[in-house]
Amino acid sequence: MFMNAVLIIGHGSRSKKFQDDFEKVVDMVREKKKDVMVYGASMELSEPTIENTVERMIVENPGIKEIVVVPFFLFEGIHIREDIPEKIEGLEKKYPDVIFKFGKPIGADPMLAEILVKRAEEIL
């Protein structure tokens, strides 16, 4: 059976608050995309790792054919240009029957300006 899944990759942190907030974001995406399996993983510093999460995705969802990798990063830094693509390349070799598609970071989205204005107004 053909299945799609989304893997949201955050930077990762040793901070429990960071990890909890990241999981809340993943849960919010899961709530909005009920027709797709949504998982979260960290680039570094915390669990679960990208590799462990992809393995879990494949074990839990036999027949998965495509994983859409979405970075939860603001801008295109070294992790987006090099580190995550290298990890994906290794995963493509390990799981040749799975197609991995890598999305763009959040970037200069107008919604970010709205959030920043809201945060500034909360202070006033």
Protein backbone atom coordinates (compact mmCIF):
# COMPACT_ATOMS: atom_id res chain seq x y z
CA MET A 1 0.00 0.00 0.00
CA PHE A 2 1.31 3.49 -0.92
CA MET A 3 1.68 5.77 2.08
CA ASN A 4 3.05 9.25 2.54
CA ALA A 5 4.59 10.63 5.67
CA VAL A 6 5.97 13.95 6.85
CA LEU A 7 9.15 14.24 8.88
CA ILE A 8 9.59 17.62 10.58
CA ILE A 9 13.20 18.25 11.52
CA GLY A 10 14.02 20.72 14.28
CA HIS A 11 17.49 21.81 15.28
CA GLY A 12 17.38 20.05 18.62
CA SER A 13 18.41 21.24 22.05
CA ARG A 14 19.27 19.87 25.47
CA SER A 15 16.53 22.12 26.86
CA LYS A 16 13.42 20.21 27.98
CA LYS A 17 11.30 23.31 27.23
CA PHE A 18 12.62 23.38 23.65
CA GLN A 19 11.89 19.69 23.19
CA ASP A 20 8.36 20.07 24.61
CA ASP A 21 7.62 23.08 22.39
CA PHE A 22 8.95 21.29 19.32
CA GLU A 23 6.70 18.33 20.05
CA LYS A 24 3.73 20.74 20.41
CA VAL A 25 4.46 22.08 16.92
CA VAL A 26 4.66 18.55 15.52
CA ASP A 27 1.35 17.75 17.24
CA MET A 28 -0.27 20.86 15.72
CA VAL A 29 0.85 19.77 12.24
CA ARG A 30 -0.43 16.26 12.95
CA GLU A 31 -3.81 17.76 13.88
CA LYS A 32 -3.95 19.74 10.62
CA LYS A 33 -2.82 16.82 8.43
CA LYS A 34 -4.80 13.87 9.75
CA ASP A 35 -4.55 12.06 6.41
CA VAL A 36 -0.73 11.88 6.62
CA MET A 37 1.58 10.38 9.22
CA VAL A 38 3.59 13.17 10.86
CA TYR A 39 6.75 12.62 12.88
CA GLY A 40 9.32 14.93 14.45
CA ALA A 41 13.08 14.52 14.80
CA SER A 42 16.08 16.57 15.86
CA MET A 43 19.11 17.43 13.77
CA GLU A 44 21.37 17.30 16.84
CA LEU A 45 21.58 17.60 20.63
CA SER A 46 18.35 15.73 21.43
CA GLU A 47 16.31 12.67 20.64
CA PRO A 48 14.84 11.29 18.55
CA THR A 49 17.42 11.55 15.80
CA ILE A 50 16.55 11.76 12.12
CA GLU A 51 17.88 8.26 11.49
CA ASN A 52 16.01 6.71 14.44
CA THR A 53 12.78 8.43 13.46
CA VAL A 54 12.96 7.30 9.82
CA GLU A 55 13.58 3.73 10.98
CA ARG A 56 10.55 4.00 13.29
CA MET A 57 8.44 5.43 10.46
CA ILE A 58 9.30 2.54 8.18
CA VAL A 59 8.79 -0.14 10.87
CA GLU A 60 5.43 1.33 11.96
CA ASN A 61 4.22 1.88 8.40
CA PRO A 62 5.19 -1.05 6.18
CA GLY A 63 4.84 -0.14 2.54
CA ILE A 64 5.71 3.53 3.03
CA LYS A 65 6.99 4.88 -0.27
CA GLU A 66 7.57 8.59 0.29
CA ILE A 67 8.79 10.72 3.18
CA VAL A 68 8.50 14.47 2.86
CA VAL A 69 11.19 16.08 5.01
CA VAL A 70 10.26 19.56 6.23
CA PRO A 71 12.87 21.59 8.11
CA PHE A 72 11.59 23.59 11.08
CA PHE A 73 14.39 26.13 10.62
CA LEU A 74 14.01 29.82 9.92
CA PHE A 75 16.71 30.28 7.31
CA GLU A 76 19.03 28.34 5.02
CA GLY A 77 22.19 27.71 7.03
CA ILE A 78 24.73 24.90 7.02
CA HIS A 79 22.26 22.34 8.38
CA ILE A 80 19.88 23.00 5.47
CA ARG A 81 22.57 23.22 2.79
CA GLU A 82 24.79 20.35 3.90
CA ASP A 83 24.06 18.43 7.10
CA ILE A 84 20.46 17.36 6.53
CA PRO A 85 20.98 16.58 2.81
CA GLU A 86 23.92 14.35 3.80
CA LYS A 87 21.72 12.51 6.30
CA ILE A 88 18.99 12.12 3.67
CA GLU A 89 21.54 10.75 1.20
CA GLY A 90 22.53 8.10 3.75
CA LEU A 91 18.87 7.24 4.35
CA GLU A 92 18.24 6.92 0.61
CA LYS A 93 21.03 4.34 0.45
CA LYS A 94 19.70 2.46 3.49
CA TYR A 95 16.07 2.56 2.26
CA PRO A 96 16.26 2.48 -1.56
CA ASP A 97 12.53 1.79 -1.91
CA VAL A 98 11.60 5.04 -0.14
CA ILE A 99 11.59 8.41 -1.90
CA PHE A 100 12.77 11.30 0.27
CA LYS A 101 11.74 14.85 -0.69
CA PHE A 102 13.39 17.75 1.14
CA GLY A 103 11.49 21.01 1.60
CA LYS A 104 12.61 24.56 2.26
CA PRO A 105 13.07 26.28 5.63
CA ILE A 106 10.42 28.72 6.82
CA GLY A 107 12.28 31.71 5.36
CA ALA A 108 11.05 35.29 5.17
CA ASP A 109 7.36 34.41 5.34
CA PRO A 110 4.94 37.34 5.93
CA MET A 111 3.31 35.35 8.74
CA LEU A 112 6.52 35.75 10.73
CA ALA A 113 6.14 39.53 10.69
CA GLU A 114 2.62 39.12 12.06
CA ILE A 115 3.91 36.91 14.87
CA LEU A 116 6.67 39.40 15.73
CA VAL A 117 4.20 42.30 15.79
CA LYS A 118 1.93 40.25 18.06
CA ARG A 119 4.84 39.49 20.42
CA ALA A 120 5.83 43.17 20.52
CA GLU A 121 2.25 44.20 21.28
CA GLU A 122 2.11 41.67 24.13
CA ILE A 123 4.92 43.58 25.82
CA LEU A 124 3.21 46.96 25.55
